[in-house]
Amino acid sequence: MTPNEVINAVDHAAGMNDRWLFLAAFCLLLIGGGVVIYWLVRQLQAVIEDHKELRNEHHAALAQIIDKQNETALKLAVCIDHNTAALNDCAYELRRFQERKEP
């Protein structure tokens, strides 16, 4: 298109009724709004997918932490049980030592 043709097309559009100008602007607004809404929905879907992936990774990490805590709690319970038995033996030996010393 040459500059003269563009000027003639703009001059022709300016000479048209304002109703057609309003309808053209309204159609452009609808198309632009539709494109923006489509883009926003695509972005929202991408964010939701990222959130799901991060949530699954977080749950997996929490499951590992809980497993480690359960193992540690079991080891601690065994350790406490052994310490209790050792303290009972020490208490028995201490009583026996004190009884031997008193007479």
PDB file of N, CA and C in Angstrom:
ATOM      1  N   MET A   1       0.840  -1.175   0.000  1.00  0.00           N
ATOM      2  CA  MET A   1       0.000   0.000   0.000  1.00  0.00           C
ATOM      3  C   MET A   1       0.887   1.241   0.000  1.00  0.00           C
ATOM      4  N   THR A   2       0.556   2.139  -0.841  1.00  0.00           N
ATOM      5  CA  THR A   2       1.335   3.384  -0.919  1.00  0.00           C
ATOM      6  C   THR A   2       0.786   4.374   0.102  1.00  0.00           C
ATOM      7  N   PRO A   3       1.563   5.369   0.458  1.00  0.00           N
ATOM      8  CA  PRO A   3       1.084   6.370   1.423  1.00  0.00           C
ATOM      9  C   PRO A   3      -0.184   7.080   0.951  1.00  0.00           C
ATOM     10  N   ASN A   4      -0.305   7.287  -0.346  1.00  0.00           N
ATOM     11  CA  ASN A   4      -1.526   7.940  -0.850  1.00  0.00           C
ATOM     12  C   ASN A   4      -2.760   7.062  -0.637  1.00  0.00           C
ATOM     13  N   GLU A   5      -2.614   5.748  -0.816  1.00  0.00           N
ATOM     14  CA  GLU A   5      -3.746   4.840  -0.595  1.00  0.00           C
ATOM     15  C   GLU A   5      -4.133   4.808   0.883  1.00  0.00           C
ATOM     16  N   VAL A   6      -3.145   4.844   1.768  1.00  0.00           N
ATOM     17  CA  VAL A   6      -3.427   4.856   3.209  1.00  0.00           C
ATOM     18  C   VAL A   6      -4.172   6.134   3.569  1.00  0.00           C
ATOM     19  N   ILE A   7      -3.712   7.250   3.061  1.00  0.00           N
ATOM     20  CA  ILE A   7      -4.375   8.531   3.354  1.00  0.00           C
ATOM     21  C   ILE A   7      -5.807   8.523   2.822  1.00  0.00           C
ATOM     22  N   ASN A   8      -6.005   7.981   1.637  1.00  0.00           N
ATOM     23  CA  ASN A   8      -7.363   7.894   1.079  1.00  0.00           C
ATOM     24  C   ASN A   8      -8.258   6.985   1.922  1.00  0.00           C
ATOM     25  N   ALA A   9      -7.703   5.841   2.421  1.00  0.00           N
ATOM     26  CA  ALA A   9      -8.493   4.931   3.247  1.00  0.00           C
ATOM     27  C   ALA A   9      -8.873   5.596   4.571  1.00  0.00           C
ATOM     28  N   VAL A  10      -7.938   6.331   5.180  1.00  0.00           N
ATOM     29  CA  VAL A  10      -8.222   7.024   6.438  1.00  0.00           C
ATOM     30  C   VAL A  10      -9.233   8.135   6.202  1.00  0.00           C
ATOM     31  N   ASP A  11      -9.116   8.851   5.095  1.00  0.00           N
ATOM     32  CA  ASP A  11     -10.064   9.910   4.762  1.00  0.00           C
ATOM     33  C   ASP A  11     -11.462   9.332   4.539  1.00  0.00           C
ATOM     34  N   HIS A  12     -11.528   8.189   3.879  1.00  0.00           N
ATOM     35  CA  HIS A  12     -12.821   7.533   3.651  1.00  0.00           C
ATOM     36  C   HIS A  12     -13.439   7.097   4.981  1.00  0.00           C
ATOM     37  N   ALA A  13     -12.592   6.512   5.892  1.00  0.00           N
ATOM     38  CA  ALA A  13     -13.090   6.084   7.195  1.00  0.00           C
ATOM     39  C   ALA A  13     -13.561   7.280   8.013  1.00  0.00           C
ATOM     40  N   ALA A  14     -12.892   8.410   7.901  1.00  0.00           N
ATOM     41  CA  ALA A  14     -13.284   9.606   8.652  1.00  0.00           C
ATOM     42  C   ALA A  14     -14.604  10.158   8.137  1.00  0.00           C
ATOM     43  N   GLY A  15     -14.888   9.946   6.876  1.00  0.00           N
ATOM     44  CA  GLY A  15     -16.141  10.446   6.316  1.00  0.00           C
ATOM     45  C   GLY A  15     -17.324   9.538   6.595  1.00  0.00           C
ATOM     46  N   MET A  16     -17.102   8.369   7.142  1.00  0.00           N
ATOM     47  CA  MET A  16     -18.184   7.412   7.421  1.00  0.00           C
ATOM     48  C   MET A  16     -18.950   7.844   8.668  1.00  0.00           C
ATOM     49  N   ASN A  17     -20.043   7.170   8.886  1.00  0.00           N
ATOM     50  CA  ASN A  17     -20.901   7.428  10.036  1.00  0.00           C
ATOM     51  C   ASN A  17     -20.172   7.013  11.324  1.00  0.00           C
ATOM     52  N   ASP A  18     -20.412   7.722  12.425  1.00  0.00           N
ATOM     53  CA  ASP A  18     -19.784   7.408  13.710  1.00  0.00           C
ATOM     54  C   ASP A  18     -20.234   6.054  14.253  1.00  0.00           C
ATOM     55  N   ARG A  19     -21.384   5.597  13.852  1.00  0.00           N
ATOM     56  CA  ARG A  19     -21.891   4.304  14.315  1.00  0.00           C
ATOM     57  C   ARG A  19     -20.954   3.177  13.853  1.00  0.00           C
ATOM     58  N   TRP A  20     -20.469   3.256  12.606  1.00  0.00           N
ATOM     59  CA  TRP A  20     -19.558   2.234  12.103  1.00  0.00           C
ATOM     60  C   TRP A  20     -18.220   2.300  12.833  1.00  0.00           C
ATOM     61  N   LEU A  21     -17.784   3.501  13.150  1.00  0.00           N
ATOM     62  CA  LEU A  21     -16.543   3.670  13.890  1.00  0.00           C
ATOM     63  C   LEU A  21     -16.671   3.053  15.289  1.00  0.00           C
ATOM     64  N   PHE A  22     -17.816   3.274  15.938  1.00  0.00           N
ATOM     65  CA  PHE A  22     -18.072   2.680  17.246  1.00  0.00           C
ATOM     66  C   PHE A  22     -18.085   1.167  17.148  1.00  0.00           C
ATOM     67  N   LEU A  23     -18.755   0.608  16.160  1.00  0.00           N
ATOM     68  CA  LEU A  23     -18.811  -0.852  16.012  1.00  0.00           C
ATOM     69  C   LEU A  23     -17.428  -1.436  15.749  1.00  0.00           C
ATOM     70  N   ALA A  24     -16.626  -0.764  14.928  1.00  0.00           N
ATOM     71  CA  ALA A  24     -15.273  -1.251  14.665  1.00  0.00           C
ATOM     72  C   ALA A  24     -14.421  -1.213  15.931  1.00  0.00           C
ATOM     73  N   ALA A  25     -14.521  -0.101  16.676  1.00  0.00           N
ATOM     74  CA  ALA A  25     -13.760   0.008  17.926  1.00  0.00           C
ATOM     75  C   ALA A  25     -14.232  -1.034  18.940  1.00  0.00           C
ATOM     76  N   PHE A  26     -15.544  -1.273  18.986  1.00  0.00           N
ATOM     77  CA  PHE A  26     -16.092  -2.259  19.910  1.00  0.00           C
ATOM     78  C   PHE A  26     -15.617  -3.670  19.543  1.00  0.00           C
ATOM     79  N   CYS A  27     -15.593  -3.988  18.256  1.00  0.00           N
ATOM     80  CA  CYS A  27     -15.101  -5.299  17.812  1.00  0.00           C
ATOM     81  C   CYS A  27     -13.619  -5.458  18.153  1.00  0.00           C
ATOM     82  N   LEU A  28     -12.837  -4.420  17.933  1.00  0.00           N
ATOM     83  CA  LEU A  28     -11.424  -4.495  18.294  1.00  0.00           C
ATOM     84  C   LEU A  28     -11.236  -4.675  19.802  1.00  0.00           C
ATOM     85  N   LEU A  29     -12.073  -3.986  20.566  1.00  0.00           N
ATOM     86  CA  LEU A  29     -12.014  -4.137  22.023  1.00  0.00           C
ATOM     87  C   LEU A  29     -12.363  -5.568  22.437  1.00  0.00           C
ATOM     88  N   LEU A  30     -13.395  -6.147  21.842  1.00  0.00           N
ATOM     89  CA  LEU A  30     -13.777  -7.523  22.161  1.00  0.00           C
ATOM     90  C   LEU A  30     -12.662  -8.500  21.798  1.00  0.00           C
ATOM     91  N   ILE A  31     -12.096  -8.337  20.618  1.00  0.00           N
ATOM     92  CA  ILE A  31     -11.024  -9.238  20.195  1.00  0.00           C
ATOM     93  C   ILE A  31      -9.807  -9.083  21.109  1.00  0.00           C
ATOM     94  N   GLY A  32      -9.440  -7.840  21.404  1.00  0.00           N
ATOM     95  CA  GLY A  32      -8.307  -7.603  22.310  1.00  0.00           C
ATOM     96  C   GLY A  32      -8.568  -8.155  23.698  1.00  0.00           C
ATOM     97  N   GLY A  33      -9.769  -7.939  24.213  1.00  0.00           N
ATOM     98  CA  GLY A  33     -10.123  -8.484  25.534  1.00  0.00           C
ATOM     99  C   GLY A  33     -10.093 -10.000  25.533  1.00  0.00           C
ATOM    100  N   GLY A  34     -10.592 -10.601  24.440  1.00  0.00           N
ATOM    101  CA  GLY A  34     -10.557 -12.063  24.336  1.00  0.00           C
ATOM    102  C   GLY A  34      -9.143 -12.604  24.338  1.00  0.00           C
ATOM    103  N   VAL A  35      -8.258 -11.925  23.609  1.00  0.00           N
ATOM    104  CA  VAL A  35      -6.858 -12.353  23.569  1.00  0.00           C
ATOM    105  C   VAL A  35      -6.224 -12.220  24.947  1.00  0.00           C
ATOM    106  N   VAL A  36      -6.497 -11.135  25.649  1.00  0.00           N
ATOM    107  CA  VAL A  36      -5.934 -10.934  26.989  1.00  0.00           C
ATOM    108  C   VAL A  36      -6.471 -11.986  27.958  1.00  0.00           C
ATOM    109  N   ILE A  37      -7.758 -12.262  27.902  1.00  0.00           N
ATOM    110  CA  ILE A  37      -8.344 -13.273  28.799  1.00  0.00           C
ATOM    111  C   ILE A  37      -7.757 -14.643  28.494  1.00  0.00           C
ATOM    112  N   TYR A  38      -7.601 -14.977  27.215  1.00  0.00           N
ATOM    113  CA  TYR A  38      -7.003 -16.258  26.837  1.00  0.00           C
ATOM    114  C   TYR A  38      -5.585 -16.368  27.388  1.00  0.00           C
ATOM    115  N   TRP A  39      -4.805 -15.290  27.246  1.00  0.00           N
ATOM    116  CA  TRP A  39      -3.433 -15.295  27.761  1.00  0.00           C
ATOM    117  C   TRP A  39      -3.413 -15.459  29.285  1.00  0.00           C
ATOM    118  N   LEU A  40      -4.317 -14.757  29.972  1.00  0.00           N
ATOM    119  CA  LEU A  40      -4.366 -14.864  31.440  1.00  0.00           C
ATOM    120  C   LEU A  40      -4.751 -16.273  31.884  1.00  0.00           C
ATOM    121  N   VAL A  41      -5.678 -16.891  31.183  1.00  0.00           N
ATOM    122  CA  VAL A  41      -6.082 -18.260  31.530  1.00  0.00           C
ATOM    123  C   VAL A  41      -4.917 -19.220  31.323  1.00  0.00           C
ATOM    124  N   ARG A  42      -4.173 -19.048  30.229  1.00  0.00           N
ATOM    125  CA  ARG A  42      -3.005 -19.902  29.985  1.00  0.00           C
ATOM    126  C   ARG A  42      -1.959 -19.716  31.093  1.00  0.00           C
ATOM    127  N   GLN A  43      -1.746 -18.480  31.509  1.00  0.00           N
ATOM    128  CA  GLN A  43      -0.796 -18.220  32.585  1.00  0.00           C
ATOM    129  C   GLN A  43      -1.266 -18.852  33.898  1.00  0.00           C
ATOM    130  N   LEU A  44      -2.559 -18.748  34.168  1.00  0.00           N
ATOM    131  CA  LEU A  44      -3.109 -19.345  35.382  1.00  0.00           C
ATOM    132  C   LEU A  44      -2.958 -20.855  35.358  1.00  0.00           C
ATOM    133  N   GLN A  45      -3.190 -21.481  34.217  1.00  0.00           N
ATOM    134  CA  GLN A  45      -3.016 -22.929  34.115  1.00  0.00           C
ATOM    135  C   GLN A  45      -1.564 -23.327  34.346  1.00  0.00           C
ATOM    136  N   ALA A  46      -0.639 -22.535  33.835  1.00  0.00           N
ATOM    137  CA  ALA A  46       0.777 -22.822  34.055  1.00  0.00           C
ATOM    138  C   ALA A  46       1.134 -22.695  35.529  1.00  0.00           C
ATOM    139  N   VAL A  47       0.594 -21.688  36.198  1.00  0.00           N
ATOM    140  CA  VAL A  47       0.851 -21.506  37.633  1.00  0.00           C
ATOM    141  C   VAL A  47       0.265 -22.665  38.433  1.00  0.00           C
ATOM    142  N   ILE A  48      -0.920 -23.109  38.057  1.00  0.00           N
ATOM    143  CA  ILE A  48      -1.552 -24.235  38.758  1.00  0.00           C
ATOM    144  C   ILE A  48      -0.719 -25.502  38.588  1.00  0.00           C
ATOM    145  N   GLU A  49      -0.221 -25.751  37.389  1.00  0.00           N
ATOM    146  CA  GLU A  49       0.620 -26.922  37.152  1.00  0.00           C
ATOM    147  C   GLU A  49       1.903 -26.852  37.975  1.00  0.00           C
ATOM    148  N   ASP A  50       2.532 -25.691  38.000  1.00  0.00           N
ATOM    149  CA  ASP A  50       3.741 -25.521  38.807  1.00  0.00           C
ATOM    150  C   ASP A  50       3.444 -25.756  40.283  1.00  0.00           C
ATOM    151  N   HIS A  51       2.301 -25.259  40.728  1.00  0.00           N
ATOM    152  CA  HIS A  51       1.916 -25.435  42.131  1.00  0.00           C
ATOM    153  C   HIS A  51       1.708 -26.913  42.448  1.00  0.00           C
ATOM    154  N   LYS A  52       1.086 -27.652  41.533  1.00  0.00           N
ATOM    155  CA  LYS A  52       0.873 -29.089  41.760  1.00  0.00           C
ATOM    156  C   LYS A  52       2.206 -29.821  41.856  1.00  0.00           C
ATOM    157  N   GLU A  53       3.143 -29.485  40.959  1.00  0.00           N
ATOM    158  CA  GLU A  53       4.453 -30.134  40.996  1.00  0.00           C
ATOM    159  C   GLU A  53       5.177 -29.816  42.302  1.00  0.00           C
ATOM    160  N   LEU A  54       5.154 -28.554  42.698  1.00  0.00           N
ATOM    161  CA  LEU A  54       5.825 -28.172  43.941  1.00  0.00           C
ATOM    162  C   LEU A  54       5.163 -28.819  45.153  1.00  0.00           C
ATOM    163  N   ARG A  55       3.830 -28.924  45.127  1.00  0.00           N
ATOM    164  CA  ARG A  55       3.117 -29.565  46.229  1.00  0.00           C
ATOM    165  C   ARG A  55       3.508 -31.037  46.336  1.00  0.00           C
ATOM    166  N   ASN A  56       3.600 -31.725  45.187  1.00  0.00           N
ATOM    167  CA  ASN A  56       3.991 -33.135  45.207  1.00  0.00           C
ATOM    168  C   ASN A  56       5.417 -33.301  45.718  1.00  0.00           C
ATOM    169  N   GLU A  57       6.326 -32.424  45.294  1.00  0.00           N
ATOM    170  CA  GLU A  57       7.695 -32.476  45.797  1.00  0.00           C
ATOM    171  C   GLU A  57       7.729 -32.219  47.301  1.00  0.00           C
ATOM    172  N   HIS A  58       6.920 -31.270  47.743  1.00  0.00           N
ATOM    173  CA  HIS A  58       6.863 -30.947  49.173  1.00  0.00           C
ATOM    174  C   HIS A  58       6.341 -32.142  49.969  1.00  0.00           C
ATOM    175  N   HIS A  59       5.302 -32.789  49.469  1.00  0.00           N
ATOM    176  CA  HIS A  59       4.756 -33.960  50.172  1.00  0.00           C
ATOM    177  C   HIS A  59       5.777 -35.096  50.221  1.00  0.00           C
ATOM    178  N   ALA A  60       6.519 -35.286  49.142  1.00  0.00           N
ATOM    179  CA  ALA A  60       7.545 -36.327  49.134  1.00  0.00           C
ATOM    180  C   ALA A  60       8.635 -36.013  50.155  1.00  0.00           C
ATOM    181  N   ALA A  61       9.045 -34.749  50.225  1.00  0.00           N
ATOM    182  CA  ALA A  61      10.068 -34.359  51.199  1.00  0.00           C
ATOM    183  C   ALA A  61       9.552 -34.539  52.626  1.00  0.00           C
ATOM    184  N   LEU A  62       8.298 -34.182  52.860  1.00  0.00           N
ATOM    185  CA  LEU A  62       7.721 -34.369  54.196  1.00  0.00           C
ATOM    186  C   LEU A  62       7.645 -35.847  54.563  1.00  0.00           C
ATOM    187  N   ALA A  63       7.307 -36.691  53.593  1.00  0.00           N
ATOM    188  CA  ALA A  63       7.240 -38.132  53.858  1.00  0.00           C
ATOM    189  C   ALA A  63       8.620 -38.660  54.245  1.00  0.00           C
ATOM    190  N   GLN A  64       9.667 -38.188  53.574  1.00  0.00           N
ATOM    191  CA  GLN A  64      11.022 -38.605  53.934  1.00  0.00           C
ATOM    192  C   GLN A  64      11.387 -38.132  55.333  1.00  0.00           C
ATOM    193  N   ILE A  65      11.023 -36.903  55.662  1.00  0.00           N
ATOM    194  CA  ILE A  65      11.320 -36.370  56.996  1.00  0.00           C
ATOM    195  C   ILE A  65      10.597 -37.184  58.065  1.00  0.00           C
ATOM    196  N   ILE A  66       9.345 -37.512  57.805  1.00  0.00           N
ATOM    197  CA  ILE A  66       8.574 -38.293  58.779  1.00  0.00           C
ATOM    198  C   ILE A  66       9.171 -39.681  58.948  1.00  0.00           C
ATOM    199  N   ASP A  67       9.596 -40.308  57.851  1.00  0.00           N
ATOM    200  CA  ASP A  67      10.239 -41.617  57.945  1.00  0.00           C
ATOM    201  C   ASP A  67      11.506 -41.548  58.790  1.00  0.00           C
ATOM    202  N   LYS A  68      12.321 -40.522  58.553  1.00  0.00           N
ATOM    203  CA  LYS A  68      13.551 -40.364  59.338  1.00  0.00           C
ATOM    204  C   LYS A  68      13.227 -40.125  60.811  1.00  0.00           C
ATOM    205  N   GLN A  69      12.182 -39.328  61.071  1.00  0.00           N
ATOM    206  CA  GLN A  69      11.796 -39.078  62.465  1.00  0.00           C
ATOM    207  C   GLN A  69      11.319 -40.367  63.139  1.00  0.00           C
ATOM    208  N   ASN A  70      10.574 -41.179  62.403  1.00  0.00           N
ATOM    209  CA  ASN A  70      10.106 -42.446  62.972  1.00  0.00           C
ATOM    210  C   ASN A  70      11.283 -43.370  63.279  1.00  0.00           C
ATOM    211  N   GLU A  71      12.262 -43.439  62.360  1.00  0.00           N
ATOM    212  CA  GLU A  71      13.445 -44.257  62.612  1.00  0.00           C
ATOM    213  C   GLU A  71      14.204 -43.745  63.836  1.00  0.00           C
ATOM    214  N   THR A  72      14.358 -42.431  63.927  1.00  0.00           N
ATOM    215  CA  THR A  72      15.073 -41.846  65.064  1.00  0.00           C
ATOM    216  C   THR A  72      14.319 -42.086  66.365  1.00  0.00           C
ATOM    217  N   ALA A  73      13.000 -41.974  66.324  1.00  0.00           N
ATOM    218  CA  ALA A  73      12.205 -42.227  67.533  1.00  0.00           C
ATOM    219  C   ALA A  73      12.337 -43.678  67.970  1.00  0.00           C
ATOM    220  N   LEU A  74      12.378 -44.602  67.011  1.00  0.00           N
ATOM    221  CA  LEU A  74      12.553 -46.015  67.354  1.00  0.00           C
ATOM    222  C   LEU A  74      13.921 -46.255  67.969  1.00  0.00           C
ATOM    223  N   LYS A  75      14.975 -45.649  67.382  1.00  0.00           N
ATOM    224  CA  LYS A  75      16.318 -45.786  67.949  1.00  0.00           C
ATOM    225  C   LYS A  75      16.377 -45.190  69.351  1.00  0.00           C
ATOM    226  N   LEU A  76      15.705 -44.053  69.537  1.00  0.00           N
ATOM    227  CA  LEU A  76      15.681 -43.420  70.853  1.00  0.00           C
ATOM    228  C   LEU A  76      14.964 -44.298  71.877  1.00  0.00           C
ATOM    229  N   ALA A  77      13.859 -44.911  71.462  1.00  0.00           N
ATOM    230  CA  ALA A  77      13.134 -45.796  72.378  1.00  0.00           C
ATOM    231  C   ALA A  77      13.995 -46.987  72.778  1.00  0.00           C
ATOM    232  N   VAL A  78      14.727 -47.556  71.828  1.00  0.00           N
ATOM    233  CA  VAL A  78      15.617 -48.679  72.148  1.00  0.00           C
ATOM    234  C   VAL A  78      16.721 -48.210  73.092  1.00  0.00           C
ATOM    235  N   CYS A  79      17.277 -47.039  72.824  1.00  0.00           N
ATOM    236  CA  CYS A  79      18.330 -46.499  73.678  1.00  0.00           C
ATOM    237  C   CYS A  79      17.822 -46.259  75.101  1.00  0.00           C
ATOM    238  N   ILE A  80      16.629 -45.697  75.215  1.00  0.00           N
ATOM    239  CA  ILE A  80      16.041 -45.461  76.547  1.00  0.00           C
ATOM    240  C   ILE A  80      15.796 -46.775  77.263  1.00  0.00           C
ATOM    241  N   ASP A  81      15.364 -47.779  76.530  1.00  0.00           N
ATOM    242  CA  ASP A  81      15.124 -49.097  77.134  1.00  0.00           C
ATOM    243  C   ASP A  81      16.436 -49.692  77.650  1.00  0.00           C
ATOM    244  N   HIS A  82      17.505 -49.595  76.848  1.00  0.00           N
ATOM    245  CA  HIS A  82      18.803 -50.102  77.290  1.00  0.00           C
ATOM    246  C   HIS A  82      19.322 -49.302  78.484  1.00  0.00           C
ATOM    247  N   ASN A  83      19.152 -48.002  78.465  1.00  0.00           N
ATOM    248  CA  ASN A  83      19.598 -47.169  79.600  1.00  0.00           C
ATOM    249  C   ASN A  83      18.822 -47.495  80.866  1.00  0.00           C
ATOM    250  N   THR A  84      17.519 -47.747  80.715  1.00  0.00           N
ATOM    251  CA  THR A  84      16.711 -48.119  81.889  1.00  0.00           C
ATOM    252  C   THR A  84      17.203 -49.435  82.483  1.00  0.00           C
ATOM    253  N   ALA A  85      17.488 -50.399  81.616  1.00  0.00           N
ATOM    254  CA  ALA A  85      18.007 -51.685  82.106  1.00  0.00           C
ATOM    255  C   ALA A  85      19.365 -51.487  82.774  1.00  0.00           C
ATOM    256  N   ALA A  86      20.217 -50.650  82.182  1.00  0.00           N
ATOM    257  CA  ALA A  86      21.538 -50.404  82.772  1.00  0.00           C
ATOM    258  C   ALA A  86      21.406 -49.693  84.115  1.00  0.00           C
ATOM    259  N   LEU A  87      20.488 -48.735  84.220  1.00  0.00           N
ATOM    260  CA  LEU A  87      20.281 -48.047  85.497  1.00  0.00           C
ATOM    261  C   LEU A  87      19.729 -48.991  86.559  1.00  0.00           C
ATOM    262  N   ASN A  88      18.873 -49.914  86.159  1.00  0.00           N
ATOM    263  CA  ASN A  88      18.367 -50.906  87.121  1.00  0.00           C
ATOM    264  C   ASN A  88      19.511 -51.781  87.623  1.00  0.00           C
ATOM    265  N   ASP A  89      20.397 -52.176  86.720  1.00  0.00           N
ATOM    266  CA  ASP A  89      21.557 -52.965  87.139  1.00  0.00           C
ATOM    267  C   ASP A  89      22.448 -52.149  88.075  1.00  0.00           C
ATOM    268  N   CYS A  90      22.659 -50.881  87.737  1.00  0.00           N
ATOM    269  CA  CYS A  90      23.480 -50.025  88.609  1.00  0.00           C
ATOM    270  C   CYS A  90      22.839 -49.863  89.986  1.00  0.00           C
ATOM    271  N   ALA A  91      21.530 -49.682  90.008  1.00  0.00           N
ATOM    272  CA  ALA A  91      20.838 -49.537  91.294  1.00  0.00           C
ATOM    273  C   ALA A  91      20.974 -50.820  92.117  1.00  0.00           C
ATOM    274  N   TYR A  92      20.863 -51.971  91.445  1.00  0.00           N
ATOM    275  CA  TYR A  92      21.011 -53.248  92.156  1.00  0.00           C
ATOM    276  C   TYR A  92      22.425 -53.390  92.715  1.00  0.00           C
ATOM    277  N   GLU A  93      23.414 -53.078  91.878  1.00  0.00           N
ATOM    278  CA  GLU A  93      24.807 -53.170  92.333  1.00  0.00           C
ATOM    279  C   GLU A  93      25.088 -52.179  93.456  1.00  0.00           C
ATOM    280  N   LEU A  94      24.520 -50.976  93.377  1.00  0.00           N
ATOM    281  CA  LEU A  94      24.731 -49.982  94.423  1.00  0.00           C
ATOM    282  C   LEU A  94      24.117 -50.453  95.742  1.00  0.00           C
ATOM    283  N   ARG A  95      22.904 -51.018  95.675  1.00  0.00           N
ATOM    284  CA  ARG A  95      22.287 -51.552  96.901  1.00  0.00           C
ATOM    285  C   ARG A  95      23.133 -52.686  97.486  1.00  0.00           C
ATOM    286  N   ARG A  96      23.610 -53.548  96.624  1.00  0.00           N
ATOM    287  CA  ARG A  96      24.413 -54.672  97.099  1.00  0.00           C
ATOM    288  C   ARG A  96      25.730 -54.179  97.708  1.00  0.00           C
ATOM    289  N   PHE A  97      26.320 -53.166  97.098  1.00  0.00           N
ATOM    290  CA  PHE A  97      27.561 -52.608  97.620  1.00  0.00           C
ATOM    291  C   PHE A  97      27.325 -51.955  98.978  1.00  0.00           C
ATOM    292  N   GLN A  98      26.183 -51.232  99.121  1.00  0.00           N
ATOM    293  CA  GLN A  98      25.874 -50.572 100.399  1.00  0.00           C
ATOM    294  C   GLN A  98      25.570 -51.611 101.475  1.00  0.00           C
ATOM    295  N   GLU A  99      24.908 -52.701 101.110  1.00  0.00           N
ATOM    296  CA  GLU A  99      24.592 -53.743 102.093  1.00  0.00           C
ATOM    297  C   GLU A  99      25.867 -54.417 102.562  1.00  0.00           C
ATOM    298  N   ARG A 100      26.830 -54.608 101.682  1.00  0.00           N
ATOM    299  CA  ARG A 100      28.068 -55.235 102.036  1.00  0.00           C
ATOM    300  C   ARG A 100      28.916 -54.343 102.937  1.00  0.00           C
ATOM    301  N   LYS A 101      28.803 -53.060 102.752  1.00  0.00           N
ATOM    302  CA  LYS A 101      29.599 -52.102 103.493  1.00  0.00           C
ATOM    303  C   LYS A 101      29.043 -51.882 104.904  1.00  0.00           C
ATOM    304  N   GLU A 102      27.731 -52.003 105.141  1.00  0.00           N
ATOM    305  CA  GLU A 102      27.116 -51.719 106.435  1.00  0.00           C
ATOM    306  C   GLU A 102      27.510 -52.678 107.540  1.00  0.00           C
ATOM    307  N   PRO A 103      27.640 -53.933 107.402  1.00  0.00           N
ATOM    308  CA  PRO A 103      27.940 -54.809 108.573  1.00  0.00           C
ATOM    309  C   PRO A 103      29.297 -54.648 109.119  1.00  0.00           C
TER     310      PRO A 103
END
